[in-house]
C-alpha atoms as a PDB file:
ATOM      1  CA  UNK A   1       0.000   0.000   0.000  1.00  0.00           C
ATOM      2  CA  UNK A   2       1.442   3.430  -1.023  1.00  0.00           C
ATOM      3  CA  UNK A   3       1.902   6.139   1.562  1.00  0.00           C
ATOM      4  CA  UNK A   4      -0.895   8.163  -0.007  1.00  0.00           C
ATOM      5  CA  UNK A   5      -3.312   5.232  -0.047  1.00  0.00           C
ATOM      6  CA  UNK A   6      -2.346   4.324   3.503  1.00  0.00           C
ATOM      7  CA  UNK A   7      -3.078   7.873   4.632  1.00  0.00           C
ATOM      8  CA  UNK A   8      -6.463   7.867   2.893  1.00  0.00           C
ATOM      9  CA  UNK A   9      -7.285   4.463   4.379  1.00  0.00           C
ATOM     10  CA  UNK A  10      -6.388   5.569   7.880  1.00  0.00           C
ATOM     11  CA  UNK A  11      -8.394   8.765   7.452  1.00  0.00           C
ATOM     12  CA  UNK A  12     -11.510   6.828   6.396  1.00  0.00           C
ATOM     13  CA  UNK A  13     -11.068   4.477   9.304  1.00  0.00           C
ATOM     14  CA  UNK A  14     -10.736   7.430  11.678  1.00  0.00           C
ATOM     15  CA  UNK A  15     -13.882   9.045  10.301  1.00  0.00           C
ATOM     16  CA  UNK A  16     -15.793   5.816  10.739  1.00  0.00           C
ATOM     17  CA  UNK A  17     -14.481   5.444  14.265  1.00  0.00           C
ATOM     18  CA  UNK A  18     -15.391   9.015  15.141  1.00  0.00           C
ATOM     19  CA  UNK A  19     -18.816   8.569  13.656  1.00  0.00           C
ATOM     20  CA  UNK A  20     -19.331   5.394  15.678  1.00  0.00           C
ATOM     21  CA  UNK A  21     -18.147   7.163  18.805  1.00  0.00           C
ATOM     22  CA  UNK A  22     -20.531  10.053  18.179  1.00  0.00           C
ATOM     23  CA  UNK A  23     -23.391   7.626  17.625  1.00  0.00           C
ATOM     24  CA  UNK A  24     -22.494   5.740  20.779  1.00  0.00           C
ATOM     25  CA  UNK A  25     -22.350   8.992  22.737  1.00  0.00           C
ATOM     26  CA  UNK A  26     -25.716  10.056  21.347  1.00  0.00           C
ATOM     27  CA  UNK A  27     -27.223   6.684  22.227  1.00  0.00           C
ATOM     28  CA  UNK A  28     -25.797   6.870  25.735  1.00  0.00           C
ATOM     29  CA  UNK A  29     -27.115  10.418  26.185  1.00  0.00           C
ATOM     30  CA  UNK A  30     -30.502   9.359  24.869  1.00  0.00           C
ATOM     31  CA  UNK A  31     -30.568   6.406  27.259  1.00  0.00           C
ATOM     32  CA  UNK A  32     -29.666   8.660  30.176  1.00  0.00           C
ATOM     33  CA  UNK A  33     -32.348  11.176  29.238  1.00  0.00           C
ATOM     34  CA  UNK A  34     -34.884   8.373  28.819  1.00  0.00           C
ATOM     35  CA  UNK A  35     -34.012   6.978  32.243  1.00  0.00           C
ATOM     36  CA  UNK A  36     -34.547  10.395  33.800  1.00  0.00           C
ATOM     37  CA  UNK A  37     -37.845  10.760  31.941  1.00  0.00           C
ATOM     38  CA  UNK A  38     -38.954   7.301  33.033  1.00  0.00           C
ATOM     39  CA  UNK A  39     -38.217   8.093  36.666  1.00  0.00           C
ATOM     40  CA  UNK A  40     -40.129  11.348  36.366  1.00  0.00           C
ATOM     41  CA  UNK A  41     -43.045   9.520  34.750  1.00  0.00           C
ATOM     42  CA  UNK A  42     -43.197   7.021  37.578  1.00  0.00           C
ATOM     43  CA  UNK A  43     -43.187   9.855  40.095  1.00  0.00           C
ATOM     44  CA  UNK A  44     -45.951  11.707  38.187  1.00  0.00           C
ATOM     45  CA  UNK A  45     -48.037   8.565  37.991  1.00  0.00           C
ATOM     46  CA  UNK A  46     -48.017   8.056  41.722  1.00  0.00           C
ATOM     47  CA  UNK A  47     -48.682  11.655  42.706  1.00  0.00           C
ATOM     48  CA  UNK A  48     -52.020  13.410  42.410  1.00  0.00           C
ATOM     49  CA  UNK A  49     -52.299  17.007  41.242  1.00  0.00           C
ATOM     50  CA  UNK A  50     -50.331  19.276  43.499  1.00  0.00           C
ATOM     51  CA  UNK A  51     -47.972  16.500  44.546  1.00  0.00           C
ATOM     52  CA  UNK A  52     -49.703  16.063  47.889  1.00  0.00           C
ATOM     53  CA  UNK A  53     -50.898  12.454  47.854  1.00  0.00           C
ATOM     54  CA  UNK A  54     -50.274   9.288  45.908  1.00  0.00           C
ATOM     55  CA  UNK A  55     -52.895   8.647  43.277  1.00  0.00           C
ATOM     56  CA  UNK A  56     -54.656   5.394  42.795  1.00  0.00           C
ATOM     57  CA  UNK A  57     -56.211   6.302  39.485  1.00  0.00           C
ATOM     58  CA  UNK A  58     -52.937   7.163  37.760  1.00  0.00           C
ATOM     59  CA  UNK A  59     -50.887   4.283  39.112  1.00  0.00           C
ATOM     60  CA  UNK A  60     -50.240   1.504  36.605  1.00  0.00           C
ATOM     61  CA  UNK A  61     -53.052  -1.044  36.763  1.00  0.00           C
ATOM     62  CA  UNK A  62     -54.883   0.866  39.485  1.00  0.00           C
ATOM     63  CA  UNK A  63     -57.856   1.692  37.253  1.00  0.00           C
ATOM     64  CA  UNK A  64     -58.569  -1.992  36.806  1.00  0.00           C
ATOM     65  CA  UNK A  65     -57.963  -2.633  40.469  1.00  0.00           C
ATOM     66  CA  UNK A  66     -60.501  -0.006  41.526  1.00  0.00           C
ATOM     67  CA  UNK A  67     -63.114  -1.438  39.226  1.00  0.00           C
ATOM     68  CA  UNK A  68     -62.583  -5.118  39.860  1.00  0.00           C
ATOM     69  CA  UNK A  69     -60.515  -5.539  43.005  1.00  0.00           C
ATOM     70  CA  UNK A  70     -56.800  -5.263  43.449  1.00  0.00           C
ATOM     71  CA  UNK A  71     -55.968  -8.785  42.291  1.00  0.00           C
ATOM     72  CA  UNK A  72     -53.509  -9.247  45.146  1.00  0.00           C
ATOM     73  CA  UNK A  73     -54.586 -12.819  45.878  1.00  0.00           C
ATOM     74  CA  UNK A  74     -52.037 -14.203  43.416  1.00  0.00           C
ATOM     75  CA  UNK A  75     -49.186 -13.433  45.821  1.00  0.00           C
ATOM     76  CA  UNK A  76     -50.689 -15.842  48.334  1.00  0.00           C
ATOM     77  CA  UNK A  77     -51.801 -18.585  45.960  1.00  0.00           C
ATOM     78  CA  UNK A  78     -51.699 -21.981  47.595  1.00  0.00           C
ATOM     79  CA  UNK A  79     -51.420 -20.578  51.114  1.00  0.00           C
ATOM     80  CA  UNK A  80     -54.238 -20.907  53.674  1.00  0.00           C
ATOM     81  CA  UNK A  81     -55.910 -17.733  54.866  1.00  0.00           C
ATOM     82  CA  UNK A  82     -54.846 -17.015  58.437  1.00  0.00           C
ATOM     83  CA  UNK A  83     -56.357 -13.941  60.082  1.00  0.00           C
ATOM     84  CA  UNK A  84     -54.187 -12.403  62.790  1.00  0.00           C
ATOM     85  CA  UNK A  85     -55.510 -12.237  66.315  1.00  0.00           C
ATOM     86  CA  UNK A  86     -56.790  -8.730  67.092  1.00  0.00           C
ATOM     87  CA  UNK A  87     -57.824  -8.001  63.487  1.00  0.00           C
ATOM     88  CA  UNK A  88     -61.187  -6.236  63.278  1.00  0.00           C
ATOM     89  CA  UNK A  89     -63.818  -5.273  60.720  1.00  0.00           C
ATOM     90  CA  UNK A  90     -65.495  -7.380  58.077  1.00  0.00           C
ATOM     91  CA  UNK A  91     -63.502 -10.570  57.485  1.00  0.00           C
ATOM     92  CA  UNK A  92     -60.738  -9.225  59.723  1.00  0.00           C
ATOM     93  CA  UNK A  93     -59.517  -6.666  57.184  1.00  0.00           C
ATOM     94  CA  UNK A  94     -59.191  -3.731  59.593  1.00  0.00           C
ATOM     95  CA  UNK A  95     -56.598  -2.894  62.212  1.00  0.00           C
ATOM     96  CA  UNK A  96     -58.094  -0.938  65.095  1.00  0.00           C
ATOM     97  CA  UNK A  97     -56.381   1.016  67.842  1.00  0.00           C
ATOM     98  CA  UNK A  98     -58.239   2.617  70.716  1.00  0.00           C
ATOM     99  CA  UNK A  99     -61.572   2.066  72.448  1.00  0.00           C
ATOM    100  CA  UNK A 100     -64.489   0.834  70.296  1.00  0.00           C
ATOM    101  CA  UNK A 101     -66.836   3.385  71.887  1.00  0.00           C
ATOM    102  CA  UNK A 102     -64.573   6.409  71.359  1.00  0.00           C
ATOM    103  CA  UNK A 103     -66.555   9.512  70.291  1.00  0.00           C
ATOM    104  CA  UNK A 104     -64.598   9.911  67.050  1.00  0.00           C
ATOM    105  CA  UNK A 105     -63.643   7.293  64.486  1.00  0.00           C
ATOM    106  CA  UNK A 106     -60.586   8.077  62.401  1.00  0.00           C
ATOM    107  CA  UNK A 107     -60.318   6.019  59.220  1.00  0.00           C
ATOM    108  CA  UNK A 108     -56.696   6.055  58.042  1.00  0.00           C
ATOM    109  CA  UNK A 109     -55.885   4.829  54.512  1.00  0.00           C
ATOM    110  CA  UNK A 110     -52.254   4.011  53.801  1.00  0.00           C
ATOM    111  CA  UNK A 111     -49.859   2.038  51.641  1.00  0.00           C
ATOM    112  CA  UNK A 112     -46.622   1.069  53.388  1.00  0.00           C
ATOM    113  CA  UNK A 113     -44.554   2.147  50.348  1.00  0.00           C
ATOM    114  CA  UNK A 114     -46.229   5.564  50.087  1.00  0.00           C
ATOM    115  CA  UNK A 115     -43.682   8.323  50.871  1.00  0.00           C
ATOM    116  CA  UNK A 116     -46.432  10.779  51.811  1.00  0.00           C
ATOM    117  CA  UNK A 117     -47.836   8.229  54.252  1.00  0.00           C
ATOM    118  CA  UNK A 118     -44.360   8.176  55.781  1.00  0.00           C
ATOM    119  CA  UNK A 119     -44.390  11.989  55.953  1.00  0.00           C
ATOM    120  CA  UNK A 120     -47.805  11.868  57.605  1.00  0.00           C
ATOM    121  CA  UNK A 121     -46.881   9.132  60.091  1.00  0.00           C
ATOM    122  CA  UNK A 122     -43.506  10.578  61.028  1.00  0.00           C
ATOM    123  CA  UNK A 123     -45.105  13.911  61.954  1.00  0.00           C
ATOM    124  CA  UNK A 124     -48.614  12.953  63.073  1.00  0.00           C
ATOM    125  CA  UNK A 125     -48.246   9.332  64.160  1.00  0.00           C
ATOM    126  CA  UNK A 126     -47.636  10.332  67.812  1.00  0.00           C
ATOM    127  CA  UNK A 127     -50.768  12.502  67.684  1.00  0.00           C
ATOM    128  CA  UNK A 128     -52.813   9.574  66.358  1.00  0.00           C
ATOM    129  CA  UNK A 129     -51.448   7.365  69.117  1.00  0.00           C
ATOM    130  CA  UNK A 130     -52.293   9.958  71.762  1.00  0.00           C
ATOM    131  CA  UNK A 131     -55.847  10.326  70.452  1.00  0.00           C
ATOM    132  CA  UNK A 132     -56.328   6.550  70.650  1.00  0.00           C
ATOM    133  CA  UNK A 133     -54.726   6.086  74.068  1.00  0.00           C
ATOM    134  CA  UNK A 134     -56.636   9.015  75.592  1.00  0.00           C
ATOM    135  CA  UNK A 135     -59.956   7.571  74.427  1.00  0.00           C
ATOM    136  CA  UNK A 136     -60.722  10.554  72.213  1.00  0.00           C
ATOM    137  CA  UNK A 137     -60.665   8.560  68.968  1.00  0.00           C
ATOM    138  CA  UNK A 138     -60.670   5.057  67.572  1.00  0.00           C
ATOM    139  CA  UNK A 139     -58.220   4.532  64.725  1.00  0.00           C
ATOM    140  CA  UNK A 140     -59.220   2.146  61.929  1.00  0.00           C
ATOM    141  CA  UNK A 141     -56.359   1.418  59.536  1.00  0.00           C
ATOM    142  CA  UNK A 142     -57.264   0.475  55.946  1.00  0.00           C
ATOM    143  CA  UNK A 143     -54.084  -0.761  54.281  1.00  0.00           C
ATOM    144  CA  UNK A 144     -53.441  -0.887  50.535  1.00  0.00           C
ATOM    145  CA  UNK A 145     -50.813  -2.514  48.315  1.00  0.00           C
ATOM    146  CA  UNK A 146     -51.362  -0.710  45.005  1.00  0.00           C
ATOM    147  CA  UNK A 147     -47.821   0.669  44.846  1.00  0.00           C
ATOM    148  CA  UNK A 148     -46.444  -2.828  44.290  1.00  0.00           C
ATOM    149  CA  UNK A 149     -48.333  -2.757  41.004  1.00  0.00           C
ATOM    150  CA  UNK A 150     -47.328   0.736  39.929  1.00  0.00           C
ATOM    151  CA  UNK A 151     -43.700   0.618  41.047  1.00  0.00           C
ATOM    152  CA  UNK A 152     -42.929  -3.087  40.823  1.00  0.00           C
ATOM    153  CA  UNK A 153     -41.789  -5.223  43.731  1.00  0.00           C
ATOM    154  CA  UNK A 154     -43.589  -6.630  46.748  1.00  0.00           C
ATOM    155  CA  UNK A 155     -42.786  -4.327  49.656  1.00  0.00           C
ATOM    156  CA  UNK A 156     -46.360  -3.176  50.283  1.00  0.00           C
ATOM    157  CA  UNK A 157     -47.660  -6.728  50.620  1.00  0.00           C
ATOM    158  CA  UNK A 158     -44.656  -8.159  52.454  1.00  0.00           C
ATOM    159  CA  UNK A 159     -44.561  -5.389  55.055  1.00  0.00           C
ATOM    160  CA  UNK A 160     -48.336  -5.589  55.495  1.00  0.00           C
ATOM    161  CA  UNK A 161     -48.038  -9.334  56.143  1.00  0.00           C
ATOM    162  CA  UNK A 162     -45.292  -8.601  58.688  1.00  0.00           C
ATOM    163  CA  UNK A 163     -47.565  -6.055  60.336  1.00  0.00           C
ATOM    164  CA  UNK A 164     -50.157  -8.824  60.511  1.00  0.00           C
ATOM    165  CA  UNK A 165     -47.640 -10.922  62.425  1.00  0.00           C
ATOM    166  CA  UNK A 166     -47.112  -7.994  64.810  1.00  0.00           C
ATOM    167  CA  UNK A 167     -50.881  -7.528  65.190  1.00  0.00           C
ATOM    168  CA  UNK A 168     -51.144 -11.206  66.073  1.00  0.00           C
ATOM    169  CA  UNK A 169     -48.860 -10.444  69.015  1.00  0.00           C
ATOM    170  CA  UNK A 170     -50.891  -7.394  70.142  1.00  0.00           C
ATOM    171  CA  UNK A 171     -52.295  -4.095  68.850  1.00  0.00           C
ATOM    172  CA  UNK A 172     -49.533  -2.295  70.757  1.00  0.00           C
ATOM    173  CA  UNK A 173     -46.872  -4.344  68.949  1.00  0.00           C
ATOM    174  CA  UNK A 174     -48.542  -3.495  65.636  1.00  0.00           C
ATOM    175  CA  UNK A 175     -48.549   0.207  66.506  1.00  0.00           C
ATOM    176  CA  UNK A 176     -44.887   0.185  67.507  1.00  0.00           C
ATOM    177  CA  UNK A 177     -43.756  -1.800  64.441  1.00  0.00           C
ATOM    178  CA  UNK A 178     -45.890   0.364  62.145  1.00  0.00           C
ATOM    179  CA  UNK A 179     -44.084   3.450  63.511  1.00  0.00           C
ATOM    180  CA  UNK A 180     -40.659   1.797  63.139  1.00  0.00           C
ATOM    181  CA  UNK A 181     -41.318   0.913  59.491  1.00  0.00           C
ATOM    182  CA  UNK A 182     -42.421   4.416  58.566  1.00  0.00           C
ATOM    183  CA  UNK A 183     -39.457   5.893  60.420  1.00  0.00           C
ATOM    184  CA  UNK A 184     -37.182   3.710  58.255  1.00  0.00           C
ATOM    185  CA  UNK A 185     -39.053   4.486  55.033  1.00  0.00           C
ATOM    186  CA  UNK A 186     -36.743   4.812  51.991  1.00  0.00           C
ATOM    187  CA  UNK A 187     -36.486   8.272  50.452  1.00  0.00           C
ATOM    188  CA  UNK A 188     -37.129   6.830  46.987  1.00  0.00           C
ATOM    189  CA  UNK A 189     -40.474   5.054  46.738  1.00  0.00           C
ATOM    190  CA  UNK A 190     -39.063   2.802  44.008  1.00  0.00           C
ATOM    191  CA  UNK A 191     -36.645   1.318  46.568  1.00  0.00           C
ATOM    192  CA  UNK A 192     -38.362  -1.941  47.514  1.00  0.00           C
ATOM    193  CA  UNK A 193     -36.581  -2.262  50.861  1.00  0.00           C
ATOM    194  CA  UNK A 194     -39.710  -3.627  52.569  1.00  0.00           C
ATOM    195  CA  UNK A 195     -39.777  -6.514  50.106  1.00  0.00           C
ATOM    196  CA  UNK A 196     -37.007  -8.169  52.129  1.00  0.00           C
ATOM    197  CA  UNK A 197     -38.175 -10.255  55.087  1.00  0.00           C
ATOM    198  CA  UNK A 198     -34.622 -10.123  56.443  1.00  0.00           C
ATOM    199  CA  UNK A 199     -34.832  -6.312  56.520  1.00  0.00           C
ATOM    200  CA  UNK A 200     -38.264  -6.424  58.160  1.00  0.00           C
ATOM    201  CA  UNK A 201     -36.989  -8.779  60.859  1.00  0.00           C
ATOM    202  CA  UNK A 202     -33.991  -6.532  61.410  1.00  0.00           C
ATOM    203  CA  UNK A 203     -36.291  -3.533  61.904  1.00  0.00           C
ATOM    204  CA  UNK A 204     -38.498  -5.595  64.232  1.00  0.00           C
ATOM    205  CA  UNK A 205     -35.558  -5.726  66.644  1.00  0.00           C
ATOM    206  CA  UNK A 206     -36.399  -2.105  67.485  1.00  0.00           C
ATOM    207  CA  UNK A 207     -39.706  -3.181  69.062  1.00  0.00           C
ATOM    208  CA  UNK A 208     -39.062  -4.735  72.488  1.00  0.00           C
ATOM    209  CA  UNK A 209     -40.556  -8.217  72.759  1.00  0.00           C
ATOM    210  CA  UNK A 210     -41.725  -8.442  69.145  1.00  0.00           C
ATOM    211  CA  UNK A 211     -39.210 -11.032  67.933  1.00  0.00           C
ATOM    212  CA  UNK A 212     -41.024 -14.061  69.324  1.00  0.00           C
ATOM    213  CA  UNK A 213     -40.612 -17.459  67.621  1.00  0.00           C
ATOM    214  CA  UNK A 214     -44.178 -17.146  66.291  1.00  0.00           C
ATOM    215  CA  UNK A 215     -43.513 -13.685  64.833  1.00  0.00           C
ATOM    216  CA  UNK A 216     -40.228 -14.753  63.245  1.00  0.00           C
ATOM    217  CA  UNK A 217     -41.801 -17.837  61.690  1.00  0.00           C
ATOM    218  CA  UNK A 218     -44.801 -15.898  60.357  1.00  0.00           C
ATOM    219  CA  UNK A 219     -42.621 -13.262  58.699  1.00  0.00           C
ATOM    220  CA  UNK A 220     -40.164 -15.740  57.205  1.00  0.00           C
ATOM    221  CA  UNK A 221     -42.872 -18.068  55.878  1.00  0.00           C
ATOM    222  CA  UNK A 222     -45.339 -15.371  54.767  1.00  0.00           C
ATOM    223  CA  UNK A 223     -48.092 -16.730  57.002  1.00  0.00           C
ATOM    224  CA  UNK A 224     -50.174 -13.578  56.690  1.00  0.00           C
ATOM    225  CA  UNK A 225     -49.675 -12.895  52.978  1.00  0.00           C
ATOM    226  CA  UNK A 226     -53.187 -14.199  52.139  1.00  0.00           C
ATOM    227  CA  UNK A 227     -54.589 -11.926  54.835  1.00  0.00           C
ATOM    228  CA  UNK A 228     -52.575  -9.011  53.434  1.00  0.00           C
ATOM    229  CA  UNK A 229     -54.129  -9.706  50.034  1.00  0.00           C
ATOM    230  CA  UNK A 230     -57.622  -9.630  51.552  1.00  0.00           C
ATOM    231  CA  UNK A 231     -56.866  -6.367  53.362  1.00  0.00           C
ATOM    232  CA  UNK A 232     -55.493  -4.815  50.165  1.00  0.00           C
ATOM    233  CA  UNK A 233     -58.624  -5.831  48.242  1.00  0.00           C
ATOM    234  CA  UNK A 234     -60.911  -4.419  50.968  1.00  0.00           C
ATOM    235  CA  UNK A 235     -59.174  -1.041  50.643  1.00  0.00           C
ATOM    236  CA  UNK A 236     -60.975  -0.465  47.340  1.00  0.00           C
ATOM    237  CA  UNK A 237     -64.430  -0.788  48.887  1.00  0.00           C
ATOM    238  CA  UNK A 238     -64.325   2.808  50.136  1.00  0.00           C
ATOM    239  CA  UNK A 239     -64.418   5.988  48.079  1.00  0.00           C
ATOM    240  CA  UNK A 240     -60.739   6.855  48.486  1.00  0.00           C
ATOM    241  CA  UNK A 241     -58.617   8.249  45.646  1.00  0.00           C
ATOM    242  CA  UNK A 242     -55.164   8.168  47.192  1.00  0.00           C
ATOM    243  CA  UNK A 243     -52.974   7.792  50.231  1.00  0.00           C
ATOM    244  CA  UNK A 244     -52.700   9.020  52.857  1.00  0.00           C
ATOM    245  CA  UNK A 245     -56.388   9.726  53.369  1.00  0.00           C
ATOM    246  CA  UNK A 246     -57.841  10.347  56.817  1.00  0.00           C
ATOM    247  CA  UNK A 247     -61.523  10.680  57.643  1.00  0.00           C
ATOM    248  CA  UNK A 248     -62.961  11.748  61.004  1.00  0.00           C
ATOM    249  CA  UNK A 249     -66.494  10.434  61.447  1.00  0.00           C
ATOM    250  CA  UNK A 250     -66.676  10.218  57.661  1.00  0.00           C
ATOM    251  CA  UNK A 251     -65.385  13.748  57.013  1.00  0.00           C
ATOM    252  CA  UNK A 252     -62.155  13.914  55.019  1.00  0.00           C
ATOM    253  CA  UNK A 253     -59.379  15.815  56.743  1.00  0.00           C
ATOM    254  CA  UNK A 254     -56.466  17.728  55.251  1.00  0.00           C
ATOM    255  CA  UNK A 255     -53.321  15.915  56.349  1.00  0.00           C
ATOM    256  CA  UNK A 256     -50.835  16.882  53.612  1.00  0.00           C
ATOM    257  CA  UNK A 257     -50.484  20.511  52.624  1.00  0.00           C
ATOM    258  CA  UNK A 258     -49.856  21.952  49.176  1.00  0.00           C
ATOM    259  CA  UNK A 259     -46.147  21.961  49.986  1.00  0.00           C
ATOM    260  CA  UNK A 260     -46.167  18.170  50.278  1.00  0.00           C
ATOM    261  CA  UNK A 261     -45.572  18.297  54.037  1.00  0.00           C
ATOM    262  CA  UNK A 262     -47.861  17.047  56.797  1.00  0.00           C
ATOM    263  CA  UNK A 263     -49.977  19.629  58.589  1.00  0.00           C
ATOM    264  CA  UNK A 264     -49.047  20.514  62.155  1.00  0.00           C
ATOM    265  CA  UNK A 265     -50.278  18.373  65.066  1.00  0.00           C
ATOM    266  CA  UNK A 266     -52.276  21.391  66.271  1.00  0.00           C
ATOM    267  CA  UNK A 267     -54.001  21.804  62.902  1.00  0.00           C
ATOM    268  CA  UNK A 268     -54.717  18.086  62.690  1.00  0.00           C
ATOM    269  CA  UNK A 269     -56.152  17.996  66.231  1.00  0.00           C
ATOM    270  CA  UNK A 270     -58.373  21.016  65.501  1.00  0.00           C
ATOM    271  CA  UNK A 271     -59.803  19.207  62.474  1.00  0.00           C
ATOM    272  CA  UNK A 272     -60.485  16.093  64.528  1.00  0.00           C
ATOM    273  CA  UNK A 273     -62.177  18.107  67.277  1.00  0.00           C
ATOM    274  CA  UNK A 274     -64.311  19.942  64.710  1.00  0.00           C
ATOM    275  CA  UNK A 275     -65.448  16.626  63.222  1.00  0.00           C
ATOM    276  CA  UNK A 276     -66.297  15.321  66.697  1.00  0.00           C
ATOM    277  CA  UNK A 277     -68.343  18.429  67.469  1.00  0.00           C
ATOM    278  CA  UNK A 278     -70.234  18.169  64.189  1.00  0.00           C
ATOM    279  CA  UNK A 279     -71.175  14.535  64.792  1.00  0.00           C
END
């Protein structure tokens, strides 16, 4: 090959290489932009207008779930239905804290993977507990698992089943474990940390007396997964569009402000008292 031909050949090869590199760079940039867009889409799909609560209607598959049940039973296929001791409501699908004859009933709707539920519980959970323990209100928890469908994973169902194991020990153990889980809530709702039973058992160490042999066995073996599926299906029976939702004697309260933060304990208590007065 002559020097001139060699130079031309090397130049063509360099152009091709540069072109390939530019194409690769463009593809990589496109992939990065698409990943960012996908994450933003997921976040938009699970937030209602204003970014205050997670939406059921925009979550993937949630429209079908609202119309025909959540379809959570598949996670527990082949397992017997075991209802935890201390479960309340129709078919044991409620978790109740406080005195049955309390003057105010607070219906609390949550999904364990919901970041705004974590915001609500971290700020107002102690207020809820005080209202129940003082006899001023009965707290009925309605738990969902729709975020497993919209985000992928199993953390909503697995943590709910673990909460069932805690409820089987006592309502107080449920309350304490419920608070521990929300305190340890991941910042990114797509992080399925609660899908790990090992992680759930590790967090259960923070609740004195919870790690009994029965609790450990139930969490490891998924004893209450069928119950969790029933609870998640029952969530759709009420007219609730997202989580967290709180109703006092049937009146919906404002628990998350327009800034995406939970209202103050004083504001929340005033709303509860107003609902009790209007009863």
